[in-house]
Amino acid sequence: MAIKDVTDLERRLYEHIRDNDYGSRPWSTPDVARILKVTEEDVYKALSELSKKMKDNVWIYYEAGELHVVAD
């Protein structure tokens, strides 16, 4: 799937992840929700959809007790 196939929130979340370094610093759902002006639940749902719709472009992994999310 392409970026044109995602919702507005999913696109904004993807761009936020892509433009920030959550590969080297831990992911924080509350911070991302505040930045995007949505609820934490909205972030979780959008991230889940992105991981399905753009699975070759979004990676979610857990390392050293921290969640990391990367997009290219």
C-alpha atoms as a PDB file:
ATOM      1  CA  MET A   1       0.000   0.000   0.000  1.00  0.00           C
ATOM      2  CA  ALA A   2       1.025   3.583  -0.519  1.00  0.00           C
ATOM      3  CA  ILE A   3       0.715   6.699   1.603  1.00  0.00           C
ATOM      4  CA  LYS A   4      -2.365   7.631  -0.459  1.00  0.00           C
ATOM      5  CA  ASP A   5      -4.167   4.599   1.027  1.00  0.00           C
ATOM      6  CA  VAL A   6      -4.036   5.747   4.652  1.00  0.00           C
ATOM      7  CA  THR A   7      -6.247   8.068   6.682  1.00  0.00           C
ATOM      8  CA  ASP A   8      -5.252  11.626   7.489  1.00  0.00           C
ATOM      9  CA  LEU A   9      -4.208  10.659  11.035  1.00  0.00           C
ATOM     10  CA  GLU A  10      -2.245   7.661   9.778  1.00  0.00           C
ATOM     11  CA  ARG A  11      -0.435   9.913   7.298  1.00  0.00           C
ATOM     12  CA  ARG A  12       0.357  12.503   9.976  1.00  0.00           C
ATOM     13  CA  LEU A  13       1.580   9.771  12.333  1.00  0.00           C
ATOM     14  CA  TYR A  14       3.717   8.205   9.620  1.00  0.00           C
ATOM     15  CA  GLU A  15       5.284  11.572   8.803  1.00  0.00           C
ATOM     16  CA  HIS A  16       5.898  12.275  12.491  1.00  0.00           C
ATOM     17  CA  ILE A  17       7.600   8.912  12.983  1.00  0.00           C
ATOM     18  CA  ARG A  18       9.627   9.357   9.791  1.00  0.00           C
ATOM     19  CA  ASP A  19      10.776  12.831  10.821  1.00  0.00           C
ATOM     20  CA  ASN A  20      11.728  11.908  14.399  1.00  0.00           C
ATOM     21  CA  ASP A  21      14.359   9.532  15.678  1.00  0.00           C
ATOM     22  CA  TYR A  22      12.381   6.893  17.574  1.00  0.00           C
ATOM     23  CA  GLY A  23      14.994   4.380  16.517  1.00  0.00           C
ATOM     24  CA  SER A  24      17.583   5.758  18.902  1.00  0.00           C
ATOM     25  CA  ARG A  25      15.248   7.273  21.481  1.00  0.00           C
ATOM     26  CA  PRO A  26      12.248   5.541  23.020  1.00  0.00           C
ATOM     27  CA  TRP A  27       8.714   5.922  21.707  1.00  0.00           C
ATOM     28  CA  SER A  28       6.229   7.757  23.947  1.00  0.00           C
ATOM     29  CA  THR A  29       2.568   7.402  23.018  1.00  0.00           C
ATOM     30  CA  PRO A  30       1.445  10.199  25.385  1.00  0.00           C
ATOM     31  CA  ASP A  31       3.946  12.621  23.835  1.00  0.00           C
ATOM     32  CA  VAL A  32       2.976  11.699  20.271  1.00  0.00           C
ATOM     33  CA  ALA A  33      -0.735  12.014  21.103  1.00  0.00           C
ATOM     34  CA  ARG A  34      -0.121  15.478  22.547  1.00  0.00           C
ATOM     35  CA  ILE A  35       1.910  16.565  19.507  1.00  0.00           C
ATOM     36  CA  LEU A  36      -0.701  15.275  17.042  1.00  0.00           C
ATOM     37  CA  LYS A  37      -3.576  16.556  19.228  1.00  0.00           C
ATOM     38  CA  VAL A  38      -5.356  13.207  19.406  1.00  0.00           C
ATOM     39  CA  THR A  39      -5.961  10.620  22.116  1.00  0.00           C
ATOM     40  CA  GLU A  40      -3.501   7.898  22.999  1.00  0.00           C
ATOM     41  CA  GLU A  41      -6.072   5.361  21.785  1.00  0.00           C
ATOM     42  CA  ASP A  42      -6.143   7.111  18.403  1.00  0.00           C
ATOM     43  CA  VAL A  43      -2.348   6.843  18.201  1.00  0.00           C
ATOM     44  CA  TYR A  44      -2.401   3.141  19.043  1.00  0.00           C
ATOM     45  CA  LYS A  45      -5.097   2.444  16.443  1.00  0.00           C
ATOM     46  CA  ALA A  46      -3.322   4.468  13.754  1.00  0.00           C
ATOM     47  CA  LEU A  47       0.015   2.814  14.533  1.00  0.00           C
ATOM     48  CA  SER A  48      -1.615  -0.598  14.309  1.00  0.00           C
ATOM     49  CA  GLU A  49      -3.119   0.256  10.926  1.00  0.00           C
ATOM     50  CA  LEU A  50       0.193   1.653   9.659  1.00  0.00           C
ATOM     51  CA  SER A  51       1.965  -1.542  10.659  1.00  0.00           C
ATOM     52  CA  LYS A  52      -0.490  -3.428   8.423  1.00  0.00           C
ATOM     53  CA  LYS A  53      -0.910  -0.983   5.544  1.00  0.00           C
ATOM     54  CA  MET A  54       2.740   0.041   5.270  1.00  0.00           C
ATOM     55  CA  LYS A  55       4.456  -2.998   6.747  1.00  0.00           C
ATOM     56  CA  ASP A  56       7.532  -2.553   4.573  1.00  0.00           C
ATOM     57  CA  ASN A  57       7.960   1.058   5.717  1.00  0.00           C
ATOM     58  CA  VAL A  58       7.156   0.956   9.451  1.00  0.00           C
ATOM     59  CA  TRP A  59       9.039  -1.099  12.035  1.00  0.00           C
ATOM     60  CA  ILE A  60       8.077  -1.465  15.676  1.00  0.00           C
ATOM     61  CA  TYR A  61      10.486  -3.168  18.012  1.00  0.00           C
ATOM     62  CA  TYR A  62      11.311  -3.512  21.698  1.00  0.00           C
ATOM     63  CA  GLU A  63      14.892  -3.140  22.873  1.00  0.00           C
ATOM     64  CA  ALA A  64      16.445  -2.746  26.317  1.00  0.00           C
ATOM     65  CA  GLY A  65      13.066  -2.198  27.951  1.00  0.00           C
ATOM     66  CA  GLU A  66      11.955   0.493  25.489  1.00  0.00           C
ATOM     67  CA  LEU A  67       9.611   0.586  22.521  1.00  0.00           C
ATOM     68  CA  HIS A  68      11.021   1.964  19.269  1.00  0.00           C
ATOM     69  CA  VAL A  69       9.173   2.889  16.061  1.00  0.00           C
ATOM     70  CA  VAL A  70      10.905   3.656  12.770  1.00  0.00           C
ATOM     71  CA  ALA A  71       9.539   4.703   9.373  1.00  0.00           C
ATOM     72  CA  ASP A  72      11.184   5.385   6.045  1.00  0.00           C
END
